Amino acid sequence: MPIRYPEILSLTSEPAPYSWGDRETMLYALGIGLGGDPMNETELPFVYESGLKAVPTMATVVAWGAGPAIGSMINFLMVVHGEQKCEFHIPFPTEAEITAEGRVIGAYDKGDKGAVIYNETVLKNAKTGEKIATLTGSTFARGDGNFGGPSDGAPEPHEVPSRAPDRTVEIATSPNQALIYRLSGDRNPLHSDPKVAKMAGFPRPILHGLCTYGITCRAVLQEYADFDPAKIRSHQVRFSSPVFPGETIAVDLWKDGDVVSFEARVKERGVTVIRNGKTVLG
């Protein structure tokens, strides 16, 4: 069924309950590769319950599946994740009981190229109603263009500086990285089953885009936040290409005041996998 515009803009989801504890917090950190060196005491607090810290981008997995149901209007076989942003209203907690509610905030018609749909999910403390994080993401529905919606007006991507990177950090992924990360919520077999990956046109399973997203946040934490998650106020990216587990992700970073710009590429293949990255520090 094609996208019905402007009806799609009225899609919302009622507040739904979710919760997590220290186990989920540590598992997410392991899923983005923290704790690989048992003697690294700066990473240990993310994977050990003594003095536990949460990587802020864990916000993308704690309410997996939340948000408005747009499946009746798009072909999910032709869908890819376009952009992701997390804005943190308070330091992200290591355990919590929350509600998550979502809505569609935009739909843009790109003609034969497809459609871009923006959604927003708000995570709130279930007892107090305090906002914890706001997640904004875009879905690129390659098979659903020409639905009669506006073609312009989508948020402009962040421009990274034209100068050479101020810093570059290389983070190796493990061959079983996707198998660990998927335990945090996204069990799409594209990331685990070689047969499904080949059906989708890949030689082998690919790493979750949101895992790469978390790895770029890890890079900022390491290079510009002294591993203090409370310093991350927002983190956003545009996805451009997949990573294969076992490859090395090189993150190029630029710092201007409280803004860290970044892009990420696969070192072995020279392919840019994240563009237009922006972290706001506080």
Protein backbone atom coordinates (compact mmCIF):
# COMPACT_ATOMS: atom_id res chain seq x y z
CA MET A 1 0.00 0.00 0.00
CA PRO A 2 1.49 3.38 -0.99
CA ILE A 3 2.27 6.22 1.39
CA ARG A 4 -0.86 8.24 2.10
CA TYR A 5 0.03 11.90 2.46
CA PRO A 6 -0.62 13.86 4.63
CA GLU A 7 -2.20 11.02 6.63
CA ILE A 8 1.23 9.60 7.44
CA LEU A 9 2.01 12.77 9.45
CA SER A 10 -0.74 11.88 11.93
CA LEU A 11 0.78 8.52 12.86
CA THR A 12 1.72 8.27 16.53
CA SER A 13 2.33 5.58 19.11
CA GLU A 14 0.94 5.55 22.63
CA PRO A 15 3.40 5.55 25.54
CA ALA A 16 4.70 2.00 26.02
CA PRO A 17 6.66 0.69 29.03
CA TYR A 18 10.30 -0.44 28.80
CA SER A 19 13.04 -1.05 31.34
CA TRP A 20 16.68 -2.05 31.59
CA GLY A 21 19.31 -2.76 34.21
CA ASP A 22 23.05 -3.19 34.56
CA ARG A 23 23.09 -6.36 32.45
CA GLU A 24 21.68 -4.58 29.40
CA THR A 25 23.97 -1.59 29.96
CA MET A 26 27.07 -3.78 30.01
CA LEU A 27 25.89 -5.88 27.06
CA TYR A 28 25.41 -2.78 24.90
CA ALA A 29 28.93 -1.58 25.73
CA LEU A 30 30.34 -4.98 24.80
CA GLY A 31 28.33 -4.84 21.59
CA ILE A 32 30.15 -1.68 20.45
CA GLY A 33 33.51 -3.19 21.41
CA LEU A 34 34.29 -1.68 24.79
CA GLY A 35 36.16 -3.88 27.25
CA GLY A 36 38.31 -5.60 24.64
CA ASP A 37 41.37 -5.01 26.80
CA PRO A 38 40.72 -6.26 30.36
CA MET A 39 43.52 -4.02 31.66
CA ASN A 40 42.03 -0.81 30.21
CA GLU A 41 40.66 0.85 33.33
CA THR A 42 39.08 3.76 31.45
CA GLU A 43 36.76 1.39 29.55
CA LEU A 44 36.13 -0.98 32.46
CA PRO A 45 33.34 1.12 34.07
CA PHE A 46 31.18 0.57 30.98
CA VAL A 47 31.34 -3.23 31.24
CA TYR A 48 31.65 -3.78 34.99
CA GLU A 49 28.94 -3.18 37.58
CA SER A 50 31.33 -1.41 39.97
CA GLY A 51 30.95 2.30 39.15
CA LEU A 52 28.94 1.43 36.03
CA LYS A 53 28.49 4.05 33.28
CA ALA A 54 26.13 3.92 30.29
CA VAL A 55 27.23 4.79 26.76
CA PRO A 56 24.65 7.46 25.80
CA THR A 57 23.82 5.94 22.40
CA MET A 58 22.36 2.99 24.27
CA ALA A 59 19.21 5.12 23.98
CA THR A 60 18.73 3.65 20.50
CA VAL A 61 18.19 0.10 21.80
CA VAL A 62 16.44 0.36 25.18
CA ALA A 63 13.00 0.77 23.58
CA TRP A 64 13.59 -1.35 20.50
CA GLY A 65 10.46 -1.49 18.34
CA ALA A 66 8.87 1.64 19.81
CA GLY A 67 7.38 4.23 17.52
CA PRO A 68 4.50 4.61 15.08
CA ALA A 69 3.63 1.70 12.78
CA ILE A 70 4.44 2.83 9.25
CA GLY A 71 4.68 -0.70 7.83
CA SER A 72 1.28 -0.48 6.15
CA MET A 73 2.52 2.38 3.96
CA ILE A 74 6.02 1.28 2.89
CA ASN A 75 7.84 -1.73 1.46
CA PHE A 76 10.16 -2.79 4.28
CA LEU A 77 12.24 -4.94 1.92
CA MET A 78 13.43 -1.71 0.28
CA VAL A 79 14.11 0.23 3.48
CA VAL A 80 17.46 1.45 4.84
CA HIS A 81 18.29 3.57 7.90
CA GLY A 82 19.17 7.07 6.70
CA GLU A 83 20.03 9.22 9.70
CA GLN A 84 20.06 9.00 13.49
CA LYS A 85 20.20 11.61 16.22
CA CYS A 86 19.97 11.30 19.98
CA GLU A 87 19.50 14.35 22.19
CA PHE A 88 20.07 13.76 25.91
CA HIS A 89 18.08 15.81 28.42
CA ILE A 90 19.84 14.22 31.40
CA PRO A 91 22.85 11.88 31.67
CA PHE A 92 21.68 8.53 30.33
CA PRO A 93 20.93 6.17 33.25
CA THR A 94 22.44 2.70 33.73
CA GLU A 95 19.03 1.37 34.77
CA ALA A 96 15.53 2.76 34.45
CA GLU A 97 11.83 2.18 33.95
CA ILE A 98 10.59 4.36 31.12
CA THR A 99 7.84 5.03 28.65
CA ALA A 100 8.51 5.55 24.95
CA GLU A 101 6.17 7.35 22.60
CA GLY A 102 6.69 8.25 18.97
CA ARG A 103 5.34 10.16 16.02
CA VAL A 104 6.06 10.77 12.35
CA ILE A 105 7.40 14.32 11.94
CA GLY A 106 8.05 14.47 8.20
CA ALA A 107 7.72 12.66 4.87
CA TYR A 108 9.53 13.76 1.71
CA ASP A 109 8.97 12.57 -1.82
CA LYS A 110 12.17 11.94 -3.78
CA GLY A 111 10.41 10.64 -6.86
CA ASP A 112 11.93 7.56 -8.44
CA LYS A 113 14.65 7.53 -5.77
CA GLY A 114 12.11 6.77 -3.04
CA ALA A 115 10.79 8.49 0.09
CA VAL A 116 12.39 9.78 3.28
CA ILE A 117 10.33 9.50 6.46
CA TYR A 118 11.37 11.18 9.72
CA ASN A 119 10.20 9.92 13.09
CA GLU A 120 10.71 11.03 16.67
CA THR A 121 10.69 8.89 19.82
CA VAL A 122 10.73 10.41 23.30
CA LEU A 123 11.97 8.40 26.29
CA LYS A 124 10.59 9.50 29.67
CA ASN A 125 10.99 8.38 33.26
CA ALA A 126 7.92 6.21 33.90
CA LYS A 127 7.39 7.56 37.42
CA THR A 128 8.17 11.26 37.06
CA GLY A 129 7.53 11.92 33.36
CA GLU A 130 10.95 13.59 33.09
CA LYS A 131 12.40 13.48 29.58
CA ILE A 132 15.53 11.33 29.32
CA ALA A 133 16.26 11.41 25.60
CA THR A 134 14.70 12.34 22.27
CA LEU A 135 15.55 10.15 19.29
CA THR A 136 15.11 11.41 15.74
CA GLY A 137 15.71 9.13 12.78
CA SER A 138 15.02 8.90 9.09
CA THR A 139 13.96 5.92 7.05
CA PHE A 140 14.86 5.86 3.35
CA ALA A 141 12.11 3.87 1.65
CA ARG A 142 13.63 3.22 -1.76
CA GLY A 143 10.45 1.77 -3.26
CA ASP A 144 7.92 4.34 -2.10
CA GLY A 145 8.55 7.60 -3.93
CA ASN A 146 6.06 9.48 -6.10
CA PHE A 147 3.43 9.62 -3.37
CA GLY A 148 2.65 13.32 -3.81
CA GLY A 149 4.38 14.76 -0.77
CA PRO A 150 6.86 17.65 -0.64
CA SER A 151 10.32 17.08 -2.07
CA ASP A 152 12.07 19.81 -0.08
CA GLY A 153 12.16 20.85 3.55
CA ALA A 154 14.03 17.97 5.16
CA PRO A 155 16.68 18.86 7.76
CA GLU A 156 20.00 19.90 6.23
CA PRO A 157 22.97 17.60 7.03
CA HIS A 158 25.73 18.92 9.28
CA GLU A 159 28.74 20.15 7.31
CA VAL A 160 32.07 18.84 8.56
CA PRO A 161 35.11 21.17 8.30
CA SER A 162 37.16 21.17 5.11
CA ARG A 163 40.49 21.18 6.96
CA ALA A 164 42.44 18.04 7.77
CA PRO A 165 41.04 16.14 10.77
CA ASP A 166 42.23 17.31 14.18
CA ARG A 167 42.38 13.70 15.31
CA THR A 168 41.81 10.23 13.88
CA VAL A 169 41.06 7.20 16.01
CA GLU A 170 40.98 3.64 14.72
CA ILE A 171 38.63 1.13 16.33
CA ALA A 172 38.79 -2.49 15.28
CA THR A 173 35.58 -4.50 15.17
CA SER A 174 35.60 -8.22 15.93
CA PRO A 175 34.35 -10.92 13.54
CA ASN A 176 31.52 -11.70 15.98
CA GLN A 177 30.65 -8.05 16.70
CA ALA A 178 27.20 -8.21 15.08
CA LEU A 179 26.37 -11.42 16.94
CA ILE A 180 26.99 -9.65 20.24
CA TYR A 181 25.34 -6.36 19.29
CA ARG A 182 22.13 -8.05 18.07
CA LEU A 183 21.45 -9.24 21.63
CA SER A 184 20.61 -5.63 22.51
CA GLY A 185 17.49 -5.75 20.34
CA ASP A 186 17.93 -5.81 16.56
CA ARG A 187 17.82 -9.48 15.56
CA ASN A 188 17.44 -8.90 11.83
CA PRO A 189 19.08 -12.00 10.27
CA LEU A 190 20.86 -9.73 7.78
CA HIS A 191 23.42 -9.31 10.55
CA SER A 192 23.78 -12.98 11.49
CA ASP A 193 22.69 -15.36 8.72
CA PRO A 194 25.02 -15.69 5.69
CA LYS A 195 22.15 -16.94 3.51
CA VAL A 196 19.98 -13.90 4.28
CA ALA A 197 22.93 -11.57 3.71
CA LYS A 198 23.55 -13.07 0.27
CA MET A 199 19.86 -12.73 -0.60
CA ALA A 200 20.19 -9.03 0.23
CA GLY A 201 23.22 -8.70 -2.04
CA PHE A 202 26.02 -8.85 0.52
CA PRO A 203 28.83 -11.43 0.54
CA ARG A 204 28.41 -11.95 4.29
CA PRO A 205 26.45 -10.52 7.25
CA ILE A 206 26.91 -6.80 7.83
CA LEU A 207 27.31 -4.84 11.04
CA HIS A 208 24.26 -2.98 12.31
CA GLY A 209 24.33 0.68 11.32
CA LEU A 210 23.44 1.60 14.89
CA CYS A 211 26.44 -0.38 16.10
CA THR A 212 28.66 1.80 13.91
CA TYR A 213 26.75 4.79 15.32
CA GLY A 214 27.63 3.67 18.84
CA ILE A 215 31.26 3.16 17.86
CA THR A 216 31.50 6.77 16.67
CA CYS A 217 30.12 7.91 20.04
CA ARG A 218 32.76 5.74 21.69
CA ALA A 219 35.40 7.58 19.65
CA VAL A 220 34.15 10.98 20.86
CA LEU A 221 33.97 9.74 24.46
CA GLN A 222 37.57 8.59 24.19
CA GLU A 223 39.06 11.59 22.41
CA TYR A 224 37.08 14.58 23.70
CA ALA A 225 34.99 13.62 26.74
CA ASP A 226 37.46 11.83 29.03
CA PHE A 227 35.11 8.83 28.97
CA ASP A 228 32.47 10.90 30.82
CA PRO A 229 29.07 10.13 29.21
CA ALA A 230 27.46 13.14 30.90
CA LYS A 231 29.44 15.40 28.55
CA ILE A 232 27.56 14.10 25.49
CA ARG A 233 24.51 16.30 24.89
CA SER A 234 23.62 15.04 21.42
CA HIS A 235 25.05 12.71 18.78
CA GLN A 236 23.94 12.52 15.15
CA VAL A 237 25.04 10.86 11.90
CA ARG A 238 24.07 10.10 8.33
CA PHE A 239 24.63 6.48 7.27
CA SER A 240 26.33 5.97 3.92
CA SER A 241 27.66 2.40 3.67
CA PRO A 242 27.77 -0.82 5.73
CA VAL A 243 30.66 -2.26 7.73
CA PHE A 244 31.56 -5.94 7.75
CA PRO A 245 32.37 -7.37 11.20
CA GLY A 246 36.13 -7.68 11.60
CA GLU A 247 36.93 -4.46 9.74
CA THR A 248 38.62 -1.44 11.29
CA ILE A 249 36.64 1.79 11.57
CA ALA A 250 38.72 4.96 11.30
CA VAL A 251 36.92 7.98 12.77
CA ASP A 252 38.13 11.42 11.66
CA LEU A 253 37.29 14.13 14.18
CA TRP A 254 37.23 17.94 14.21
CA LYS A 255 36.58 20.00 17.35
CA ASP A 256 35.26 23.56 17.25
CA GLY A 257 34.19 24.79 20.67
CA ASP A 258 31.55 22.43 22.06
CA VAL A 259 30.91 20.83 18.66
CA VAL A 260 32.77 17.74 17.50
CA SER A 261 32.31 16.95 13.81
CA PHE A 262 33.24 13.53 12.49
CA GLU A 263 33.13 11.06 9.64
CA ALA A 264 33.99 7.36 9.69
CA ARG A 265 35.48 5.05 7.08
CA VAL A 266 36.53 1.43 6.79
CA LYS A 267 40.31 1.42 6.85
CA GLU A 268 40.72 -1.78 4.81
CA ARG A 269 38.45 -0.72 1.93
CA GLY A 270 38.65 3.08 2.09
CA VAL A 271 34.84 3.33 2.12
CA THR A 272 33.11 6.12 4.06
CA VAL A 273 30.40 4.58 6.25
CA ILE A 274 29.30 7.60 8.33
CA ARG A 275 28.96 11.15 7.05
CA ASN A 276 27.93 14.51 8.50
CA GLY A 277 28.54 13.42 12.09
CA LYS A 278 28.02 15.92 14.89
CA THR A 279 28.34 15.67 18.67
CA VAL A 280 27.48 18.54 21.00
CA LEU A 281 29.40 18.52 24.26
CA GLY A 282 28.34 20.14 27.49
